C-alpha atoms as a PDB file:
ATOM      1  CA  MET A   1      26.277 -44.124 -22.321  1.00  0.00           C
ATOM      2  CA  PRO A   2      28.396 -41.535 -24.630  1.00  0.00           C
ATOM      3  CA  LEU A   3      28.407 -37.840 -24.322  1.00  0.00           C
ATOM      4  CA  SER A   4      25.484 -36.462 -26.093  1.00  0.00           C
ATOM      5  CA  ARG A   5      26.063 -34.132 -29.680  1.00  0.00           C
ATOM      6  CA  GLU A   6      24.106 -31.387 -27.493  1.00  0.00           C
ATOM      7  CA  LEU A   7      27.056 -31.472 -24.425  1.00  0.00           C
ATOM      8  CA  LEU A   8      29.872 -31.337 -26.750  1.00  0.00           C
ATOM      9  CA  ASP A   9      28.403 -28.295 -28.521  1.00  0.00           C
ATOM     10  CA  ILE A  10      28.228 -26.125 -25.085  1.00  0.00           C
ATOM     11  CA  LEU A  11      31.600 -27.377 -23.756  1.00  0.00           C
ATOM     12  CA  ALA A  12      34.500 -25.251 -23.814  1.00  0.00           C
ATOM     13  CA  CYS A  13      37.798 -25.250 -22.808  1.00  0.00           C
ATOM     14  CA  PRO A  14      38.373 -23.909 -19.124  1.00  0.00           C
ATOM     15  CA  LYS A  15      41.359 -22.103 -19.984  1.00  0.00           C
ATOM     16  CA  CYS A  16      41.546 -19.985 -23.084  1.00  0.00           C
ATOM     17  CA  LYS A  17      37.402 -20.592 -23.357  1.00  0.00           C
ATOM     18  CA  GLY A  18      37.771 -22.387 -26.891  1.00  0.00           C
ATOM     19  CA  GLU A  19      36.778 -25.241 -28.640  1.00  0.00           C
ATOM     20  CA  ILE A  20      37.210 -29.135 -27.819  1.00  0.00           C
ATOM     21  CA  SER A  21      36.435 -31.988 -29.840  1.00  0.00           C
ATOM     22  CA  LEU A  22      36.465 -35.875 -28.833  1.00  0.00           C
ATOM     23  CA  THR A  23      39.401 -38.354 -29.103  1.00  0.00           C
ATOM     24  CA  SER A  24      38.636 -40.873 -31.632  1.00  0.00           C
ATOM     25  CA  LYS A  25      39.049 -43.150 -28.249  1.00  0.00           C
ATOM     26  CA  GLU A  26      36.000 -41.147 -26.869  1.00  0.00           C
ATOM     27  CA  ASP A  27      38.032 -40.942 -24.109  1.00  0.00           C
ATOM     28  CA  GLY A  28      38.647 -37.314 -23.616  1.00  0.00           C
ATOM     29  CA  LEU A  29      38.228 -33.535 -25.023  1.00  0.00           C
ATOM     30  CA  VAL A  30      40.813 -31.892 -26.734  1.00  0.00           C
ATOM     31  CA  CYS A  31      41.513 -28.428 -27.261  1.00  0.00           C
ATOM     32  CA  ASP A  32      43.749 -27.667 -29.781  1.00  0.00           C
ATOM     33  CA  ARG A  33      44.788 -24.376 -28.943  1.00  0.00           C
ATOM     34  CA  CYS A  34      46.172 -24.827 -25.402  1.00  0.00           C
ATOM     35  CA  GLY A  35      47.215 -29.023 -26.165  1.00  0.00           C
ATOM     36  CA  LEU A  36      45.361 -29.902 -23.627  1.00  0.00           C
ATOM     37  CA  LEU A  37      43.726 -33.309 -23.222  1.00  0.00           C
ATOM     38  CA  TYR A  38      40.290 -33.381 -20.496  1.00  0.00           C
ATOM     39  CA  PRO A  39      39.471 -36.612 -19.367  1.00  0.00           C
ATOM     40  CA  ILE A  40      36.085 -38.239 -19.663  1.00  0.00           C
ATOM     41  CA  ARG A  41      35.733 -41.041 -16.714  1.00  0.00           C
ATOM     42  CA  ASP A  42      32.533 -42.926 -15.770  1.00  0.00           C
ATOM     43  CA  ASP A  43      30.911 -40.599 -19.320  1.00  0.00           C
ATOM     44  CA  ILE A  44      31.658 -37.469 -17.224  1.00  0.00           C
ATOM     45  CA  PRO A  45      33.795 -35.006 -18.822  1.00  0.00           C
ATOM     46  CA  ILE A  46      36.644 -33.400 -16.172  1.00  0.00           C
ATOM     47  CA  MET A  47      36.991 -30.383 -17.067  1.00  0.00           C
ATOM     48  CA  LEU A  48      39.162 -29.230 -14.692  1.00  0.00           C
ATOM     49  CA  ILE A  49      42.580 -27.049 -15.936  1.00  0.00           C
ATOM     50  CA  GLU A  50      44.651 -29.471 -13.229  1.00  0.00           C
ATOM     51  CA  GLU A  51      43.366 -32.724 -13.958  1.00  0.00           C
ATOM     52  CA  ALA A  52      43.983 -31.991 -17.734  1.00  0.00           C
ATOM     53  CA  GLN A  53      47.038 -33.698 -19.082  1.00  0.00           C
ATOM     54  CA  PRO A  54      48.979 -31.937 -21.889  1.00  0.00           C
ATOM     55  CA  ILE A  55      49.256 -33.407 -25.516  1.00  0.00           C
ATOM     56  CA  LYS A  56      52.012 -34.924 -26.877  1.00  0.00           C
END
């Protein structure tokens, strides 16, 4: 089950509190301001800064 639009609307980057967006593959959430990718595992967004990966 993909993330609901309502959940995406309320989620924010835990580092800068900025907007995040869903990746095209719907496997992560991206914060363009911080340049971080937060993974989605088993339809659950992992919103921990230490779990985020830098965008290349």
